[in-house]
Amino acid sequence: MILLDYKDSRPIYEQVAEKLQELMLLGVLEEDSQMPSVRSLAMELSINPNTIQRAYGELERNGFIYTVKGRGSFVGSIRKLRNARGQELARKMEGLAQEARKIGISRQEFLETAGEVYDRYASDHSELSEDLEESEDSQKENQKGEEKNV
């Protein structure tokens, strides 16, 4: 499910691209699986298809999805996406480490704080991941039922 924040200063296409990346990293959109069509996703989100097309173009330029002419867009390498997001995270951490040193926070304090924040986030979002897993299981069951009906 993609939720857009119309108060966010970033363009809608960037938000859509980011949310799709998150779905890929969470395993909701699996490697080599077909992406939703531009038209269907635009209708679902009630936004212009050109906005979705631009988000898909951005994802394709970064190598996170690929297009097969006449068939649609497909999820590319999740490992490539994970590496790119890891590099982005490392750049952010570098900035935080520089700031921590400037204000006199020791390496040990920095690492402890980072660990506490990570653990707090993990515990706060464990329910979310459990709900996501249950949702995926029910979707797979529904797909199996639809296949039997065909």
N, C-alpha and C. Protein backbone atom coordinates (compact mmCIF):
# COMPACT_ATOMS: atom_id res chain seq x y z
N MET A 1 0.84 -1.18 0.00
CA MET A 1 0.00 0.00 0.00
C MET A 1 0.88 1.24 0.00
N ILE A 2 0.59 2.14 -0.87
CA ILE A 2 1.35 3.38 -0.98
C ILE A 2 0.50 4.52 -0.47
N LEU A 3 1.03 5.23 0.52
CA LEU A 3 0.37 6.42 1.05
C LEU A 3 1.23 7.62 0.70
N LEU A 4 0.61 8.61 0.09
CA LEU A 4 1.32 9.81 -0.31
C LEU A 4 1.06 10.92 0.70
N ASP A 5 2.07 11.74 0.92
CA ASP A 5 1.96 12.87 1.84
C ASP A 5 1.97 14.14 1.01
N TYR A 6 0.79 14.75 0.87
CA TYR A 6 0.67 15.93 0.03
C TYR A 6 1.27 17.17 0.70
N LYS A 7 1.64 17.07 1.97
CA LYS A 7 2.31 18.17 2.67
C LYS A 7 3.83 18.07 2.50
N ASP A 8 4.32 16.93 2.03
CA ASP A 8 5.75 16.71 1.81
C ASP A 8 6.21 17.65 0.69
N SER A 9 7.38 18.24 0.87
CA SER A 9 7.89 19.19 -0.13
C SER A 9 8.43 18.48 -1.38
N ARG A 10 8.67 17.17 -1.28
CA ARG A 10 9.18 16.42 -2.43
C ARG A 10 8.07 16.20 -3.45
N PRO A 11 8.44 16.13 -4.73
CA PRO A 11 7.44 15.84 -5.75
C PRO A 11 6.80 14.46 -5.53
N ILE A 12 5.57 14.32 -5.99
CA ILE A 12 4.82 13.07 -5.82
C ILE A 12 5.56 11.90 -6.46
N TYR A 13 6.16 12.10 -7.65
CA TYR A 13 6.84 10.98 -8.31
C TYR A 13 7.99 10.45 -7.45
N GLU A 14 8.69 11.34 -6.73
CA GLU A 14 9.77 10.88 -5.85
C GLU A 14 9.22 10.07 -4.69
N GLN A 15 8.08 10.50 -4.15
CA GLN A 15 7.46 9.75 -3.05
C GLN A 15 7.03 8.37 -3.54
N VAL A 16 6.44 8.31 -4.73
CA VAL A 16 6.00 7.03 -5.29
C VAL A 16 7.21 6.11 -5.50
N ALA A 17 8.28 6.65 -6.08
CA ALA A 17 9.48 5.85 -6.32
C ALA A 17 10.05 5.33 -5.01
N GLU A 18 10.08 6.18 -3.98
CA GLU A 18 10.61 5.76 -2.68
C GLU A 18 9.74 4.66 -2.06
N LYS A 19 8.42 4.82 -2.14
CA LYS A 19 7.51 3.81 -1.56
C LYS A 19 7.65 2.49 -2.30
N LEU A 20 7.81 2.53 -3.60
CA LEU A 20 7.99 1.29 -4.37
C LEU A 20 9.31 0.61 -3.98
N GLN A 21 10.36 1.41 -3.76
CA GLN A 21 11.63 0.85 -3.30
C GLN A 21 11.45 0.16 -1.95
N GLU A 22 10.71 0.78 -1.05
CA GLU A 22 10.46 0.18 0.26
C GLU A 22 9.72 -1.14 0.12
N LEU A 23 8.74 -1.19 -0.79
CA LEU A 23 8.00 -2.44 -1.00
C LEU A 23 8.92 -3.53 -1.56
N MET A 24 9.88 -3.13 -2.38
CA MET A 24 10.85 -4.09 -2.92
C MET A 24 11.74 -4.61 -1.79
N LEU A 25 12.23 -3.71 -0.96
CA LEU A 25 13.12 -4.11 0.13
C LEU A 25 12.41 -4.97 1.16
N LEU A 26 11.12 -4.74 1.36
CA LEU A 26 10.34 -5.53 2.31
C LEU A 26 9.93 -6.89 1.74
N GLY A 27 10.14 -7.08 0.43
CA GLY A 27 9.78 -8.35 -0.19
C GLY A 27 8.35 -8.42 -0.69
N VAL A 28 7.62 -7.31 -0.59
CA VAL A 28 6.25 -7.29 -1.11
C VAL A 28 6.30 -7.38 -2.63
N LEU A 29 7.22 -6.63 -3.23
CA LEU A 29 7.49 -6.74 -4.67
C LEU A 29 8.78 -7.53 -4.81
N GLU A 30 8.67 -8.75 -5.27
CA GLU A 30 9.83 -9.65 -5.35
C GLU A 30 10.59 -9.46 -6.65
N GLU A 31 11.86 -9.82 -6.61
CA GLU A 31 12.72 -9.70 -7.78
C GLU A 31 12.11 -10.44 -8.97
N ASP A 32 12.12 -9.79 -10.12
CA ASP A 32 11.60 -10.30 -11.39
C ASP A 32 10.07 -10.43 -11.42
N SER A 33 9.38 -9.94 -10.38
CA SER A 33 7.91 -9.94 -10.44
C SER A 33 7.44 -8.70 -11.19
N GLN A 34 6.27 -8.79 -11.76
CA GLN A 34 5.75 -7.68 -12.55
C GLN A 34 5.27 -6.56 -11.64
N MET A 35 5.62 -5.34 -12.02
CA MET A 35 5.17 -4.16 -11.31
C MET A 35 3.72 -3.88 -11.72
N PRO A 36 2.97 -3.17 -10.88
CA PRO A 36 1.62 -2.78 -11.29
C PRO A 36 1.71 -1.92 -12.56
N SER A 37 0.70 -2.01 -13.40
CA SER A 37 0.72 -1.18 -14.61
C SER A 37 0.63 0.29 -14.21
N VAL A 38 1.16 1.14 -15.06
CA VAL A 38 1.13 2.58 -14.81
C VAL A 38 -0.30 3.04 -14.61
N ARG A 39 -1.16 2.60 -15.48
CA ARG A 39 -2.56 3.04 -15.44
C ARG A 39 -3.25 2.58 -14.15
N SER A 40 -3.07 1.30 -13.77
CA SER A 40 -3.75 0.79 -12.58
C SER A 40 -3.23 1.45 -11.31
N LEU A 41 -1.91 1.69 -11.23
CA LEU A 41 -1.36 2.33 -10.04
C LEU A 41 -1.81 3.79 -9.96
N ALA A 42 -1.88 4.45 -11.11
CA ALA A 42 -2.35 5.84 -11.15
C ALA A 42 -3.80 5.92 -10.66
N MET A 43 -4.62 4.97 -11.09
CA MET A 43 -6.02 4.95 -10.66
C MET A 43 -6.10 4.66 -9.16
N GLU A 44 -5.32 3.71 -8.67
CA GLU A 44 -5.34 3.35 -7.26
C GLU A 44 -4.95 4.53 -6.38
N LEU A 45 -3.95 5.30 -6.82
CA LEU A 45 -3.46 6.43 -6.03
C LEU A 45 -4.18 7.75 -6.37
N SER A 46 -5.05 7.70 -7.37
CA SER A 46 -5.78 8.89 -7.83
C SER A 46 -4.83 10.02 -8.24
N ILE A 47 -3.82 9.64 -9.02
CA ILE A 47 -2.89 10.64 -9.54
C ILE A 47 -2.71 10.42 -11.04
N ASN A 48 -2.09 11.38 -11.69
CA ASN A 48 -1.88 11.36 -13.12
C ASN A 48 -0.95 10.20 -13.51
N PRO A 49 -1.28 9.45 -14.57
CA PRO A 49 -0.40 8.36 -15.02
C PRO A 49 1.01 8.85 -15.38
N ASN A 50 1.13 10.10 -15.82
CA ASN A 50 2.46 10.63 -16.14
C ASN A 50 3.35 10.68 -14.89
N THR A 51 2.75 10.88 -13.73
CA THR A 51 3.50 10.89 -12.48
C THR A 51 4.06 9.51 -12.19
N ILE A 52 3.25 8.48 -12.39
CA ILE A 52 3.70 7.10 -12.20
C ILE A 52 4.78 6.77 -13.21
N GLN A 53 4.57 7.19 -14.46
CA GLN A 53 5.55 6.93 -15.51
C GLN A 53 6.89 7.56 -15.15
N ARG A 54 6.85 8.75 -14.59
CA ARG A 54 8.08 9.42 -14.19
C ARG A 54 8.78 8.67 -13.05
N ALA A 55 8.00 8.18 -12.08
CA ALA A 55 8.56 7.39 -10.98
C ALA A 55 9.19 6.11 -11.53
N TYR A 56 8.50 5.44 -12.44
CA TYR A 56 9.04 4.22 -13.04
C TYR A 56 10.32 4.53 -13.81
N GLY A 57 10.33 5.66 -14.52
CA GLY A 57 11.52 6.06 -15.28
C GLY A 57 12.71 6.26 -14.36
N GLU A 58 12.46 6.89 -13.22
CA GLU A 58 13.52 7.11 -12.22
C GLU A 58 14.04 5.77 -11.69
N LEU A 59 13.13 4.86 -11.37
CA LEU A 59 13.52 3.54 -10.88
C LEU A 59 14.32 2.77 -11.94
N GLU A 60 13.91 2.91 -13.19
CA GLU A 60 14.60 2.21 -14.27
C GLU A 60 15.99 2.80 -14.50
N ARG A 61 16.10 4.13 -14.47
CA ARG A 61 17.41 4.77 -14.63
C ARG A 61 18.40 4.31 -13.56
N ASN A 62 17.88 4.06 -12.36
CA ASN A 62 18.74 3.60 -11.27
C ASN A 62 18.96 2.10 -11.28
N GLY A 63 18.32 1.39 -12.21
CA GLY A 63 18.52 -0.05 -12.34
C GLY A 63 17.70 -0.88 -11.37
N PHE A 64 16.67 -0.28 -10.74
CA PHE A 64 15.88 -1.00 -9.76
C PHE A 64 14.70 -1.74 -10.39
N ILE A 65 14.29 -1.31 -11.59
CA ILE A 65 13.28 -2.04 -12.36
C ILE A 65 13.75 -2.09 -13.81
N TYR A 66 13.13 -2.96 -14.58
CA TYR A 66 13.43 -3.03 -16.01
C TYR A 66 12.11 -3.23 -16.76
N THR A 67 12.12 -2.82 -18.03
CA THR A 67 10.92 -2.89 -18.84
C THR A 67 11.11 -3.90 -19.96
N VAL A 68 10.09 -4.70 -20.18
CA VAL A 68 10.06 -5.63 -21.30
C VAL A 68 8.99 -5.10 -22.25
N LYS A 69 9.40 -4.75 -23.45
CA LYS A 69 8.50 -4.14 -24.41
C LYS A 69 7.27 -5.01 -24.64
N GLY A 70 6.12 -4.41 -24.46
CA GLY A 70 4.86 -5.11 -24.67
C GLY A 70 4.38 -5.93 -23.48
N ARG A 71 5.20 -6.05 -22.44
CA ARG A 71 4.82 -6.86 -21.27
C ARG A 71 4.72 -6.05 -19.99
N GLY A 72 5.47 -4.93 -19.90
CA GLY A 72 5.41 -4.10 -18.71
C GLY A 72 6.74 -3.98 -18.00
N SER A 73 6.66 -3.50 -16.77
CA SER A 73 7.85 -3.28 -15.95
C SER A 73 7.97 -4.37 -14.89
N PHE A 74 9.21 -4.71 -14.57
CA PHE A 74 9.48 -5.78 -13.62
C PHE A 74 10.51 -5.33 -12.60
N VAL A 75 10.45 -5.92 -11.42
CA VAL A 75 11.39 -5.60 -10.35
C VAL A 75 12.76 -6.12 -10.75
N GLY A 76 13.76 -5.25 -10.60
CA GLY A 76 15.14 -5.62 -10.92
C GLY A 76 15.84 -6.24 -9.72
N SER A 77 17.12 -6.00 -9.64
CA SER A 77 17.94 -6.59 -8.59
C SER A 77 17.69 -5.92 -7.24
N ILE A 78 17.19 -6.71 -6.29
CA ILE A 78 16.97 -6.20 -4.93
C ILE A 78 18.32 -5.93 -4.28
N ARG A 79 19.32 -6.74 -4.58
CA ARG A 79 20.65 -6.55 -4.01
C ARG A 79 21.22 -5.19 -4.44
N LYS A 80 21.02 -4.82 -5.70
CA LYS A 80 21.49 -3.53 -6.19
C LYS A 80 20.80 -2.39 -5.45
N LEU A 81 19.51 -2.54 -5.23
CA LEU A 81 18.73 -1.54 -4.49
C LEU A 81 19.23 -1.46 -3.05
N ARG A 82 19.41 -2.60 -2.41
CA ARG A 82 19.87 -2.63 -1.02
C ARG A 82 21.25 -1.98 -0.90
N ASN A 83 22.14 -2.24 -1.86
CA ASN A 83 23.48 -1.63 -1.84
C ASN A 83 23.40 -0.12 -2.00
N ALA A 84 22.55 0.33 -2.91
CA ALA A 84 22.40 1.78 -3.12
C ALA A 84 21.85 2.45 -1.87
N ARG A 85 20.85 1.84 -1.25
CA ARG A 85 20.29 2.42 -0.02
C ARG A 85 21.29 2.36 1.12
N GLY A 86 22.13 1.32 1.16
CA GLY A 86 23.17 1.21 2.17
C GLY A 86 24.21 2.32 2.02
N GLN A 87 24.58 2.63 0.78
CA GLN A 87 25.53 3.71 0.53
C GLN A 87 24.92 5.06 0.94
N GLU A 88 23.65 5.24 0.64
CA GLU A 88 22.95 6.47 1.04
C GLU A 88 22.93 6.60 2.57
N LEU A 89 22.68 5.50 3.24
CA LEU A 89 22.66 5.49 4.71
C LEU A 89 24.05 5.81 5.26
N ALA A 90 25.09 5.26 4.64
CA ALA A 90 26.46 5.52 5.09
C ALA A 90 26.79 7.01 4.98
N ARG A 91 26.34 7.66 3.89
CA ARG A 91 26.57 9.11 3.74
C ARG A 91 25.87 9.89 4.85
N LYS A 92 24.64 9.48 5.18
CA LYS A 92 23.92 10.16 6.25
C LYS A 92 24.62 9.95 7.59
N MET A 93 25.09 8.72 7.82
CA MET A 93 25.79 8.42 9.07
C MET A 93 27.09 9.21 9.17
N GLU A 94 27.75 9.42 8.04
CA GLU A 94 28.98 10.21 8.04
C GLU A 94 28.70 11.63 8.53
N GLY A 95 27.62 12.20 8.05
CA GLY A 95 27.23 13.54 8.49
C GLY A 95 26.91 13.57 9.98
N LEU A 96 26.21 12.55 10.45
CA LEU A 96 25.88 12.49 11.88
C LEU A 96 27.14 12.31 12.72
N ALA A 97 28.07 11.50 12.25
CA ALA A 97 29.32 11.29 12.99
C ALA A 97 30.12 12.58 13.06
N GLN A 98 30.17 13.32 11.96
CA GLN A 98 30.90 14.61 11.96
C GLN A 98 30.26 15.57 12.96
N GLU A 99 28.93 15.63 12.96
CA GLU A 99 28.23 16.51 13.89
C GLU A 99 28.47 16.08 15.34
N ALA A 100 28.44 14.77 15.59
CA ALA A 100 28.68 14.26 16.94
C ALA A 100 30.08 14.66 17.43
N ARG A 101 31.07 14.54 16.57
CA ARG A 101 32.44 14.92 16.96
C ARG A 101 32.54 16.41 17.24
N LYS A 102 31.83 17.21 16.42
CA LYS A 102 31.88 18.67 16.61
C LYS A 102 31.34 19.08 17.98
N ILE A 103 30.33 18.34 18.46
CA ILE A 103 29.74 18.74 19.74
C ILE A 103 30.28 17.93 20.91
N GLY A 104 31.31 17.12 20.63
CA GLY A 104 32.02 16.45 21.71
C GLY A 104 31.46 15.11 22.15
N ILE A 105 30.67 14.48 21.32
CA ILE A 105 30.16 13.14 21.64
C ILE A 105 31.23 12.12 21.26
N SER A 106 31.54 11.23 22.20
CA SER A 106 32.57 10.22 21.95
C SER A 106 32.05 9.15 20.99
N ARG A 107 32.98 8.39 20.44
CA ARG A 107 32.62 7.28 19.54
C ARG A 107 31.70 6.30 20.27
N GLN A 108 32.05 5.98 21.50
CA GLN A 108 31.26 5.02 22.28
C GLN A 108 29.83 5.54 22.50
N GLU A 109 29.71 6.82 22.86
CA GLU A 109 28.37 7.41 23.07
C GLU A 109 27.57 7.39 21.77
N PHE A 110 28.25 7.71 20.68
CA PHE A 110 27.61 7.73 19.36
C PHE A 110 27.07 6.34 19.02
N LEU A 111 27.91 5.32 19.20
CA LEU A 111 27.50 3.95 18.88
C LEU A 111 26.38 3.47 19.80
N GLU A 112 26.45 3.83 21.09
CA GLU A 112 25.40 3.43 22.03
C GLU A 112 24.07 4.07 21.65
N THR A 113 24.11 5.35 21.31
CA THR A 113 22.89 6.05 20.92
C THR A 113 22.32 5.44 19.64
N ALA A 114 23.19 5.17 18.68
CA ALA A 114 22.74 4.55 17.43
C ALA A 114 22.10 3.19 17.71
N GLY A 115 22.71 2.41 18.58
CA GLY A 115 22.16 1.10 18.93
C GLY A 115 20.81 1.21 19.62
N GLU A 116 20.68 2.17 20.52
CA GLU A 116 19.41 2.37 21.23
C GLU A 116 18.30 2.78 20.25
N VAL A 117 18.64 3.70 19.36
CA VAL A 117 17.65 4.15 18.37
C VAL A 117 17.24 2.98 17.47
N TYR A 118 18.21 2.21 17.03
CA TYR A 118 17.93 1.05 16.17
C TYR A 118 17.02 0.05 16.88
N ASP A 119 17.36 -0.26 18.13
CA ASP A 119 16.56 -1.22 18.91
C ASP A 119 15.15 -0.71 19.15
N ARG A 120 15.03 0.59 19.45
CA ARG A 120 13.71 1.17 19.68
C ARG A 120 12.87 1.11 18.41
N TYR A 121 13.50 1.42 17.27
CA TYR A 121 12.78 1.35 16.00
C TYR A 121 12.35 -0.09 15.71
N ALA A 122 13.26 -1.03 15.94
CA ALA A 122 12.96 -2.44 15.66
C ALA A 122 11.78 -2.92 16.50
N SER A 123 11.75 -2.55 17.78
CA SER A 123 10.65 -3.00 18.64
C SER A 123 9.35 -2.28 18.29
N ASP A 124 9.43 -1.01 17.91
CA ASP A 124 8.23 -0.25 17.54
C ASP A 124 7.61 -0.77 16.25
N HIS A 125 8.44 -1.32 15.36
CA HIS A 125 7.95 -1.74 14.05
C HIS A 125 7.84 -3.25 13.89
N SER A 126 8.05 -4.00 14.97
CA SER A 126 7.92 -5.45 14.86
C SER A 126 6.48 -5.83 14.57
N GLU A 127 5.51 -5.10 15.13
CA GLU A 127 4.10 -5.37 14.86
C GLU A 127 3.78 -5.13 13.40
N LEU A 128 4.37 -4.07 12.82
CA LEU A 128 4.15 -3.76 11.42
C LEU A 128 4.62 -4.89 10.53
N SER A 129 5.80 -5.45 10.80
CA SER A 129 6.32 -6.53 9.96
C SER A 129 5.48 -7.80 10.12
N GLU A 130 4.95 -8.05 11.33
CA GLU A 130 4.08 -9.20 11.53
C GLU A 130 2.79 -9.03 10.74
N ASP A 131 2.21 -7.82 10.76
CA ASP A 131 1.00 -7.54 9.99
C ASP A 131 1.26 -7.71 8.50
N LEU A 132 2.43 -7.25 8.04
CA LEU A 132 2.80 -7.36 6.64
C LEU A 132 2.91 -8.82 6.23
N GLU A 133 3.53 -9.65 7.07
CA GLU A 133 3.66 -11.08 6.77
C GLU A 133 2.29 -11.75 6.68
N GLU A 134 1.39 -11.41 7.61
CA GLU A 134 0.04 -11.97 7.58
C GLU A 134 -0.68 -11.56 6.31
N SER A 135 -0.53 -10.30 5.91
CA SER A 135 -1.16 -9.79 4.70
C SER A 135 -0.65 -10.53 3.47
N GLU A 136 0.68 -10.76 3.41
CA GLU A 136 1.26 -11.49 2.29
C GLU A 136 0.73 -12.91 2.24
N ASP A 137 0.62 -13.57 3.40
CA ASP A 137 0.11 -14.94 3.45
C ASP A 137 -1.32 -15.00 2.93
N SER A 138 -2.16 -14.05 3.34
CA SER A 138 -3.55 -14.06 2.89
C SER A 138 -3.64 -13.77 1.39
N GLN A 139 -2.74 -12.90 0.87
CA GLN A 139 -2.73 -12.63 -0.56
C GLN A 139 -2.37 -13.89 -1.34
N LYS A 140 -1.39 -14.65 -0.84
CA LYS A 140 -0.98 -15.88 -1.52
C LYS A 140 -2.11 -16.90 -1.50
N GLU A 141 -2.83 -17.00 -0.39
CA GLU A 141 -3.97 -17.91 -0.30
C GLU A 141 -5.05 -17.52 -1.30
N ASN A 142 -5.32 -16.21 -1.41
CA ASN A 142 -6.32 -15.72 -2.36
C ASN A 142 -5.91 -16.04 -3.79
N GLN A 143 -4.60 -15.88 -4.11
CA GLN A 143 -4.12 -16.18 -5.44
C GLN A 143 -4.27 -17.66 -5.75
N LYS A 144 -4.00 -18.52 -4.78
CA LYS A 144 -4.16 -19.96 -4.98
C LYS A 144 -5.62 -20.30 -5.26
N GLY A 145 -6.51 -19.65 -4.51
CA GLY A 145 -7.95 -19.88 -4.71
C GLY A 145 -8.40 -19.43 -6.08
N GLU A 146 -7.86 -18.27 -6.56
CA GLU A 146 -8.22 -17.77 -7.88
C GLU A 146 -7.70 -18.70 -8.95
N GLU A 147 -6.49 -19.25 -8.77
CA GLU A 147 -5.92 -20.18 -9.76
C GLU A 147 -6.77 -21.43 -9.88
N LYS A 148 -7.30 -21.90 -8.75
CA LYS A 148 -8.13 -23.11 -8.78
C LYS A 148 -9.45 -22.84 -9.49
N ASN A 149 -9.96 -21.60 -9.37
CA ASN A 149 -11.23 -21.26 -9.98
C ASN A 149 -11.12 -21.08 -11.48
N VAL A 150 -9.91 -20.88 -12.01
CA VAL A 150 -9.72 -20.61 -13.43
C VAL A 150 -9.75 -21.85 -14.25
